[in-house]
Protein backbone atom coordinates (compact mmCIF):
# COMPACT_ATOMS: atom_id res chain seq x y z
CA MET A 1 -0.25 25.02 19.25
CA PRO A 2 2.12 23.39 16.16
CA LYS A 3 1.92 25.10 13.04
CA ASN A 4 -0.38 23.51 10.11
CA THR A 5 2.85 22.83 7.67
CA THR A 6 2.37 22.45 3.97
CA LEU A 7 3.65 18.68 4.71
CA VAL A 8 0.57 18.32 6.86
CA ARG A 9 -2.06 19.94 4.70
CA SER A 10 -0.57 17.77 1.77
CA LEU A 11 -0.66 14.39 3.29
CA PRO A 12 -2.59 11.92 1.07
CA LYS A 13 -5.57 10.51 2.46
CA PRO A 14 -4.12 7.09 2.83
CA ALA A 15 -1.68 8.17 4.36
CA LEU A 16 -4.07 10.02 7.08
CA ASP A 17 -6.08 7.36 7.23
CA ALA A 18 -3.11 4.96 8.45
CA LEU A 19 -2.30 7.49 10.93
CA LYS A 20 -5.81 7.47 12.31
CA ARG A 21 -5.84 3.74 12.63
CA GLN A 22 -2.82 3.87 14.22
CA GLY A 23 -3.88 6.38 16.88
CA GLU A 24 -7.25 4.42 17.29
CA ARG A 25 -5.35 0.90 17.51
CA ILE A 26 -2.75 2.90 20.27
CA ALA A 27 -6.01 3.84 22.08
CA VAL A 28 -7.38 0.11 21.93
CA ALA A 29 -3.95 -1.29 23.32
CA ARG A 30 -3.81 1.42 26.05
CA LYS A 31 -7.75 0.41 27.30
CA ARG A 32 -6.68 -3.15 26.87
CA ARG A 33 -3.71 -3.01 29.43
CA GLN A 34 -6.07 -0.87 32.06
CA GLN A 35 -4.11 2.00 31.77
CA THR A 36 -5.15 5.20 31.84
CA GLN A 37 -4.00 8.37 29.41
CA LEU A 38 -2.19 9.99 32.31
CA ASP A 39 -0.17 6.53 33.29
CA LEU A 40 0.77 5.82 29.38
CA ALA A 41 1.57 9.70 28.87
CA GLU A 42 3.93 9.18 32.00
CA ARG A 43 5.42 6.13 30.70
CA MET A 44 6.42 8.04 27.27
CA ASN A 45 7.34 10.83 28.94
CA VAL A 46 5.20 13.23 27.56
CA ASP A 47 2.05 15.65 28.47
CA VAL A 48 -1.13 13.68 28.35
CA ARG A 49 -2.44 16.33 25.67
CA THR A 50 0.25 14.75 23.13
CA LEU A 51 -0.95 11.30 24.06
CA ARG A 52 -4.42 12.52 23.10
CA ARG A 53 -3.10 13.92 19.96
CA VAL A 54 -1.54 10.27 18.77
CA GLU A 55 -4.79 8.37 19.67
CA ALA A 56 -6.59 10.83 17.50
CA GLY A 57 -4.00 9.98 14.93
CA ASP A 58 -2.57 14.16 14.57
CA PRO A 59 -0.58 14.36 11.80
CA ARG A 60 1.31 17.20 13.67
CA VAL A 61 2.58 14.72 16.41
CA THR A 62 5.96 13.83 15.82
CA LEU A 63 6.92 9.96 14.82
CA GLY A 64 9.10 9.77 17.92
CA ALA A 65 5.85 10.17 19.99
CA TYR A 66 3.99 7.49 18.27
CA MET A 67 7.04 5.33 18.65
CA ALA A 68 6.95 6.15 22.18
CA ALA A 69 3.50 4.81 22.54
CA LEU A 70 4.22 1.71 20.94
CA TRP A 71 7.45 0.96 23.05
CA ALA A 72 5.24 1.43 26.09
CA LEU A 73 2.56 -0.41 24.97
CA GLY A 74 5.44 -3.04 24.27
CA LEU A 75 4.56 -2.99 20.56
CA ILE A 76 7.58 -1.82 19.54
CA LYS A 77 9.04 -4.74 17.88
CA GLN A 78 6.33 -5.38 15.41
CA LEU A 79 7.59 -2.26 13.52
CA ASP A 80 10.52 -4.49 12.48
CA ASP A 81 8.89 -5.37 9.43
CA VAL A 82 7.82 -1.86 8.63
CA ALA A 83 9.84 -0.81 5.38
CA SER A 84 12.01 -3.95 5.66
CA PRO A 85 14.05 -4.61 2.39
CA ALA A 86 12.74 -8.53 2.89
CA HIS A 87 8.87 -7.23 2.53
CA ASP A 88 9.77 -4.75 -0.30
CA MET A 89 8.02 -6.38 -2.98
CA GLN A 90 8.14 -3.74 -5.44
CA GLY A 91 11.77 -2.96 -4.95
CA GLN A 92 12.71 -6.65 -5.27
CA ALA A 93 10.55 -6.60 -8.59
CA LEU A 94 12.92 -3.59 -9.87
CA ALA A 95 15.92 -5.03 -8.65
CA ILE A 96 14.96 -8.24 -10.77
CA ASP A 97 14.13 -6.07 -13.63
CA ARG A 98 17.88 -4.47 -13.30
CA LEU A 99 19.47 -8.15 -13.54
CA PRO A 100 22.01 -8.45 -16.57
CA GLU A 101 21.01 -10.95 -19.28
CA ARG A 102 24.31 -12.37 -19.02
CA VAL A 103 26.97 -12.82 -16.57
CA ARG A 104 30.65 -13.05 -18.27
CA ARG A 105 33.73 -13.49 -16.37
CA ARG A 106 35.58 -10.46 -15.67
CA ARG A 107 39.14 -10.61 -17.37
CA PRO A 108 42.14 -10.07 -14.83
CA LYS A 109 43.97 -6.77 -14.82
CA PHE A 110 47.54 -6.76 -15.80
């Protein structure tokens, strides 16, 4: 059985809720495709117990297992926007705040 690490115990509730939602969504996607847990686990190359933990949103399961499930279900492409700089509104706002007031030509160095 995996260790209950400090990180897992200290995960914020929004992160735990997001994992639970993702696990539920993976289960729904599997069922819509008429796949058994065993079928999907084999495609992911994991034990069926690992898939059950993914579908339960267990934070002790590796990110790789969640990614493997999404790949096996054909949903991995949708992750391209996660943490994309183009969609990072807070990061863009911070970059704008750091823009200089004025821009001057640089003098050539001789």
